[in-house]
Protein backbone atom coordinates (compact mmCIF):
# COMPACT_ATOMS: atom_id res chain seq x y z
CA MET A 1 37.29 -73.04 -42.18
CA ASN A 2 36.72 -70.18 -40.04
CA ILE A 3 35.43 -71.37 -36.50
CA TYR A 4 33.87 -69.27 -33.53
CA ILE A 5 34.00 -70.74 -29.90
CA SER A 6 32.28 -69.37 -26.95
CA SER A 7 33.61 -70.73 -23.71
CA ASP A 8 32.20 -70.79 -20.21
CA MET A 9 33.78 -72.26 -17.09
CA GLU A 10 30.57 -73.88 -14.92
CA GLY A 11 30.24 -76.62 -17.55
CA ILE A 12 33.97 -77.79 -17.80
CA ALA A 13 34.84 -81.00 -16.30
CA GLN A 14 34.86 -81.40 -12.59
CA THR A 15 33.37 -78.02 -11.40
CA LYS A 16 30.88 -78.52 -8.75
CA GLU A 17 30.63 -75.22 -6.58
CA TRP A 18 30.82 -71.54 -6.78
CA LEU A 19 34.51 -71.37 -5.54
CA ASP A 20 35.68 -73.61 -8.19
CA VAL A 21 34.97 -70.89 -10.88
CA ARG A 22 35.71 -67.76 -8.95
CA LYS A 23 39.10 -66.20 -8.90
CA THR A 24 39.10 -66.21 -5.04
CA GLY A 25 38.47 -69.94 -5.04
CA PRO A 26 41.42 -72.21 -3.92
CA ASN A 27 41.02 -74.47 -6.73
CA TYR A 28 40.41 -71.85 -9.59
CA LYS A 29 43.91 -71.87 -11.24
CA LYS A 30 43.46 -75.80 -11.55
CA PHE A 31 40.13 -75.28 -13.25
CA GLN A 32 41.31 -72.40 -15.58
CA LYS A 33 43.91 -74.85 -16.98
CA VAL A 34 40.98 -77.48 -17.23
CA GLN A 35 39.10 -74.99 -19.46
CA THR A 36 42.13 -74.17 -21.26
CA ASP A 37 43.07 -77.91 -22.00
CA GLU A 38 39.63 -78.64 -23.37
CA LEU A 39 39.52 -75.86 -25.57
CA LYS A 40 43.14 -76.94 -26.93
CA ALA A 41 41.50 -80.34 -27.59
CA ILE A 42 39.02 -78.52 -29.68
CA ALA A 43 41.64 -76.52 -31.54
CA GLU A 44 44.05 -79.28 -32.15
CA SER A 45 41.46 -81.32 -33.62
CA LEU A 46 41.46 -78.74 -36.37
CA SER A 47 44.32 -78.09 -38.94
CA LEU A 48 46.44 -74.93 -38.26
CA GLN A 49 44.98 -73.41 -41.73
CA ASN A 50 41.56 -73.03 -39.82
CA LYS A 51 41.04 -69.71 -38.28
CA ILE A 52 39.55 -69.96 -34.59
CA VAL A 53 38.00 -67.06 -32.54
CA ILE A 54 37.56 -68.08 -28.79
CA ARG A 55 35.27 -65.84 -26.87
CA ASP A 56 36.26 -66.08 -23.13
CA GLY A 57 32.46 -65.71 -21.73
CA HIS A 58 33.20 -66.37 -18.00
CA GLY A 59 33.41 -64.07 -15.17
CA SER A 60 36.39 -61.38 -16.07
CA ALA A 61 36.69 -62.84 -19.35
CA LYS A 62 40.32 -63.44 -18.56
CA ASN A 63 40.33 -67.25 -17.73
CA ILE A 64 41.76 -68.97 -20.62
CA ILE A 65 45.35 -69.15 -20.48
CA LYS A 66 46.28 -67.26 -23.98
CA ASN A 67 49.88 -68.72 -24.51
CA GLN A 68 48.81 -72.19 -24.95
CA PHE A 69 47.54 -71.89 -28.21
CA SER A 70 48.92 -71.71 -31.87
CA SER A 71 48.89 -68.34 -33.68
CA ASN A 72 45.82 -69.60 -35.69
CA VAL A 73 43.76 -68.94 -32.48
CA GLN A 74 42.40 -65.60 -31.45
CA ILE A 75 41.02 -65.06 -27.86
CA ILE A 76 38.62 -62.24 -27.14
CA ASP A 77 39.15 -61.45 -23.49
CA TYR A 78 37.04 -58.24 -22.48
CA TRP A 79 33.54 -57.02 -22.15
CA ASP A 80 32.02 -53.92 -23.58
CA GLU A 81 28.62 -52.73 -24.49
CA ASP A 82 28.07 -54.99 -27.50
CA PRO A 83 24.88 -56.73 -27.01
CA THR A 84 26.06 -60.07 -28.41
CA ASN A 85 27.68 -60.52 -24.86
CA MET A 86 29.15 -63.95 -24.53
CA MET A 87 29.05 -64.09 -28.48
CA LYS A 88 31.23 -61.29 -28.96
CA GLY A 89 32.89 -61.27 -32.40
CA ILE A 90 30.38 -63.60 -33.98
CA ASN A 91 29.71 -60.77 -36.63
CA THR A 92 33.12 -59.91 -37.44
CA SER A 93 33.85 -62.63 -39.95
CA PRO A 94 32.05 -65.39 -42.17
CA PHE A 95 32.15 -68.13 -39.65
CA ASP A 96 31.52 -71.71 -41.06
CA PHE A 97 30.16 -72.84 -37.61
CA ALA A 98 29.95 -72.06 -33.69
CA ILE A 99 30.56 -74.00 -30.82
CA LEU A 100 29.50 -73.49 -27.23
CA HIS A 101 31.96 -74.88 -24.72
CA GLY A 102 31.77 -75.51 -20.96
CA TYR A 103 28.19 -74.21 -20.86
CA HIS A 104 25.47 -74.85 -18.03
CA ALA A 105 21.99 -75.40 -16.87
CA ALA A 106 19.68 -72.45 -16.93
CA GLY A 107 18.96 -70.15 -13.97
CA GLY A 108 15.45 -71.45 -12.32
CA SER A 109 16.05 -75.13 -13.80
CA GLY A 110 17.28 -76.59 -10.56
CA LEU A 111 19.43 -78.96 -12.58
CA SER A 112 22.68 -77.98 -11.14
CA PRO A 113 24.03 -75.82 -8.07
CA LEU A 114 25.87 -73.95 -10.80
CA ALA A 115 22.77 -73.08 -12.67
CA HIS A 116 22.21 -69.47 -13.58
CA THR A 117 21.55 -67.10 -16.66
CA PHE A 118 24.22 -64.34 -16.98
CA SER A 119 24.36 -63.58 -13.13
CA SER A 120 23.74 -65.95 -10.30
CA ARG A 121 23.94 -62.92 -7.81
CA ASN A 122 21.35 -60.83 -9.84
CA PHE A 123 18.70 -62.97 -11.59
CA GLU A 124 16.58 -65.69 -10.41
CA LYS A 125 15.57 -66.91 -14.24
CA LEU A 126 14.95 -65.56 -17.73
CA THR A 127 12.12 -66.81 -19.91
CA LEU A 128 11.72 -66.63 -23.76
CA ASN A 129 8.12 -67.31 -25.09
CA GLY A 130 7.08 -68.78 -21.91
CA GLU A 131 9.72 -71.17 -21.30
CA ILE A 132 12.68 -71.03 -18.66
CA VAL A 133 15.81 -70.55 -20.95
CA GLY A 134 19.82 -70.02 -20.45
CA GLU A 135 22.87 -68.75 -21.95
CA THR A 136 22.68 -71.73 -24.38
CA THR A 137 19.31 -70.82 -26.02
CA PHE A 138 20.27 -67.00 -26.33
CA ASN A 139 23.99 -67.88 -27.73
CA ILE A 140 22.33 -70.32 -30.33
CA LEU A 141 19.82 -67.82 -31.40
CA THR A 142 22.51 -65.14 -31.56
CA ALA A 143 24.54 -67.28 -33.70
CA ALA A 144 21.64 -68.08 -35.77
CA TYR A 145 20.79 -64.19 -36.35
CA PHE A 146 24.06 -64.01 -38.12
CA HIS A 147 23.27 -66.85 -40.20
CA ILE A 148 26.18 -69.30 -38.15
CA PRO A 149 25.00 -72.67 -37.04
CA VAL A 150 25.85 -74.03 -33.66
CA ILE A 151 27.23 -77.70 -34.31
CA TYR A 152 28.56 -78.75 -31.10
CA VAL A 153 27.82 -78.18 -27.30
CA SER A 154 29.92 -79.31 -24.26
CA GLY A 155 28.74 -78.85 -20.62
CA ASP A 156 26.29 -80.30 -18.22
CA ASN A 157 23.10 -82.28 -18.96
CA GLY A 158 20.80 -79.19 -18.83
CA ALA A 159 23.05 -77.19 -21.23
CA VAL A 160 23.20 -80.10 -23.66
CA ALA A 161 19.51 -80.87 -23.64
CA GLU A 162 18.62 -77.24 -23.87
CA ALA A 163 20.69 -77.13 -26.98
CA LYS A 164 19.10 -80.11 -28.46
CA LYS A 165 15.67 -78.89 -27.67
CA ILE A 166 16.41 -76.08 -30.22
CA CYS A 167 18.26 -77.91 -32.84
CA PRO A 168 17.96 -81.84 -32.26
CA ASN A 169 21.06 -82.50 -34.59
CA ILE A 170 23.43 -80.43 -32.48
CA ILE A 171 26.08 -82.91 -31.17
CA GLY A 172 26.69 -82.65 -27.25
CA THR A 173 29.19 -83.92 -24.79
CA VAL A 174 27.59 -84.58 -21.34
CA VAL A 175 30.40 -83.77 -19.06
CA LYS A 176 28.28 -83.86 -15.74
CA ASP A 177 24.72 -84.53 -14.37
CA PHE A 178 24.17 -83.58 -10.81
CA SER A 179 21.00 -85.44 -10.79
CA ILE A 180 22.66 -88.95 -10.88
CA ASP A 181 25.98 -87.43 -9.29
CA SER A 182 27.78 -88.34 -12.65
CA PHE A 183 31.06 -86.51 -13.29
CA LEU A 184 33.56 -87.29 -16.12
CA SER A 185 37.18 -87.26 -15.17
CA THR A 186 39.34 -84.50 -16.89
CA GLU A 187 40.88 -86.92 -19.18
CA ASP A 188 37.62 -88.78 -20.23
CA THR A 189 36.25 -85.32 -20.90
CA ILE A 190 39.09 -84.45 -23.34
CA ASN A 191 38.56 -87.76 -25.20
CA SER A 192 34.91 -87.32 -25.46
CA ILE A 193 35.28 -83.83 -26.55
CA LYS A 194 37.83 -84.80 -29.27
CA LYS A 195 35.64 -87.62 -30.48
CA ASP A 196 32.23 -85.87 -30.47
CA PHE A 197 33.57 -82.72 -31.93
CA VAL A 198 35.32 -84.44 -34.78
CA LEU A 199 31.74 -86.24 -35.49
CA ALA A 200 30.15 -82.81 -35.55
CA VAL A 201 32.31 -81.20 -37.92
CA GLN A 202 31.96 -84.42 -40.12
CA GLN A 203 28.28 -83.98 -40.32
CA TYR A 204 28.65 -80.42 -40.97
CA LYS A 205 30.91 -81.08 -44.04
CA GLU A 206 28.34 -83.80 -45.22
CA ASN A 207 25.35 -81.36 -44.71
CA PRO A 208 25.72 -77.87 -43.43
CA HIS A 209 21.98 -77.45 -43.44
CA LEU A 210 21.60 -80.17 -40.62
CA PHE A 211 22.15 -77.56 -38.10
CA GLU A 212 20.23 -74.62 -39.20
CA ILE A 213 17.47 -73.18 -37.27
CA LYS A 214 14.74 -70.51 -37.91
CA LEU A 215 14.57 -67.82 -35.34
CA PRO A 216 10.86 -67.43 -33.79
CA ASP A 217 8.65 -64.52 -35.28
CA THR A 218 8.21 -63.01 -31.90
CA PHE A 219 10.23 -62.83 -28.81
CA GLU A 220 8.47 -62.33 -25.33
CA PHE A 221 11.10 -62.06 -22.80
CA THR A 222 10.99 -61.88 -19.05
CA LEU A 223 13.93 -61.37 -16.51
CA GLU A 224 13.19 -61.96 -12.79
CA TYR A 225 15.28 -60.06 -10.32
CA LYS A 226 16.54 -61.26 -6.99
CA ASP A 227 16.25 -57.38 -5.94
CA SER A 228 12.94 -55.69 -6.59
CA GLU A 229 14.34 -52.33 -6.11
CA GLN A 230 16.31 -52.91 -9.37
CA VAL A 231 12.62 -53.64 -11.00
CA MET A 232 11.82 -50.13 -10.27
CA LEU A 233 14.98 -48.64 -11.18
CA HIS A 234 15.01 -50.15 -14.57
CA ILE A 235 11.26 -49.10 -15.09
CA LYS A 236 12.30 -45.65 -14.89
CA LYS A 237 14.99 -45.90 -17.42
CA LEU A 238 13.37 -48.21 -20.01
CA PRO A 239 9.90 -47.18 -20.88
CA LYS A 240 9.30 -49.83 -23.32
CA VAL A 241 9.81 -52.52 -20.70
CA PHE A 242 6.72 -53.29 -18.39
CA GLN A 243 6.38 -54.94 -14.93
CA LEU A 244 4.86 -58.30 -14.63
CA ASP A 245 5.11 -58.51 -10.72
CA LYS A 246 7.24 -57.36 -7.83
CA ASN A 247 10.38 -58.76 -9.10
CA THR A 248 9.77 -59.48 -12.90
CA LEU A 249 10.18 -57.27 -16.03
CA ALA A 250 9.13 -58.03 -19.54
CA TYR A 251 9.75 -57.02 -22.89
CA LYS A 252 8.29 -58.05 -26.46
CA THR A 253 9.72 -57.50 -29.81
CA ASN A 254 9.85 -58.94 -33.36
CA ASP A 255 13.52 -58.11 -33.81
CA TYR A 256 16.12 -60.37 -31.88
CA TYR A 257 18.85 -57.75 -32.25
CA ASP A 258 16.43 -55.43 -30.66
CA LEU A 259 16.03 -57.90 -27.83
CA LEU A 260 19.59 -58.36 -27.19
CA SER A 261 20.21 -54.48 -27.23
CA VAL A 262 17.27 -54.11 -24.46
CA MET A 263 18.27 -57.17 -22.52
CA ARG A 264 21.78 -55.58 -21.93
CA LEU A 265 20.31 -52.51 -20.44
CA MET A 266 17.91 -54.75 -18.34
CA LYS A 267 20.84 -56.86 -16.99
CA LEU A 268 22.79 -53.89 -15.56
CA GLN A 269 22.91 -53.38 -12.13
CA ILE A 270 21.80 -49.88 -11.37
CA ASP A 271 23.40 -48.38 -8.41
CA LYS A 272 20.60 -47.57 -5.69
CA ARG A 273 23.18 -45.17 -3.61
CA PRO A 274 23.10 -41.42 -3.91
CA ARG A 275 25.53 -40.23 -6.68
CA ILE A 276 27.99 -38.50 -4.27
CA ILE A 277 28.01 -41.56 -1.89
CA SER A 278 28.58 -43.89 -4.86
CA LYS A 279 31.39 -41.67 -6.14
CA LEU A 280 33.11 -41.80 -2.84
CA ILE A 281 32.83 -45.45 -2.49
CA ASN A 282 34.35 -45.97 -5.88
CA ALA A 283 37.26 -43.59 -5.12
CA LEU A 284 37.78 -45.53 -1.54
CA CYS A 285 37.91 -48.89 -3.58
CA LYS A 286 40.33 -47.65 -6.00
CA MET A 287 42.44 -46.13 -3.23
CA THR A 288 42.41 -49.56 -1.45
CA ARG A 289 43.50 -51.30 -4.69
CA ILE A 290 46.35 -49.08 -5.06
CA ILE A 291 47.56 -49.52 -1.60
CA SER A 292 47.13 -53.18 -1.79
CA GLY A 293 49.15 -53.62 -5.13
CA HIS A 294 46.07 -55.31 -6.86
């Protein structure tokens, strides 16, 4: 089989605050290993004959410790202009199924201090067809666009509930629930992931159609920015996008890939500074990195 995994970090075992998942945080390396170990548990549940592609979908995309995996595992560890974003590579091979690992609640859901959608710094929330949704929804729909079912999700209670709302048959491992102060240990998480993932694969083999979903006919998308100036800057660059209020832009389409392409542009942070000042600041930052050896 060919298996695709999209991996994030906020939904792995024991992460509770932003410093846990940022490279500047004191415990980042610890959680880098936790993320890697959870992925290894999934990979080792499959035979070496299976081809596995893991998309590192968190932060710099260089969180997973690559040398911990067998040769049948490929890791995508960079960002580019591909609108599939956290699902990059999903359209490059006839994958049998996809997995979302380490996922988290949507921005605006209030279900987790780590809840966000794509950027905690830039966006309050995103909605699709009138409902607040997160990365879980967009990435399940992205897989479905390429006719690949998502059969398994691990993460916090918000991410798993969001996945099951789209496809009730998806198997999920709830690693943490902030509302009841419940957090699985790293050991219990790995044991649960192994058990639940094996069950998902078994059910998929028995009936692959169990996890299929139908894409909506229309996509009405809104993005609420934290900075209202970004709204005005994007309106000037994206004529098909319209403004709902001071902080919110909207877009409507019947084509999901078109939505992904426009979303990518809407999510870009537009520099508000005059071009010459921006160039000078970027040059100074580059010189600082060279001098400091970073």
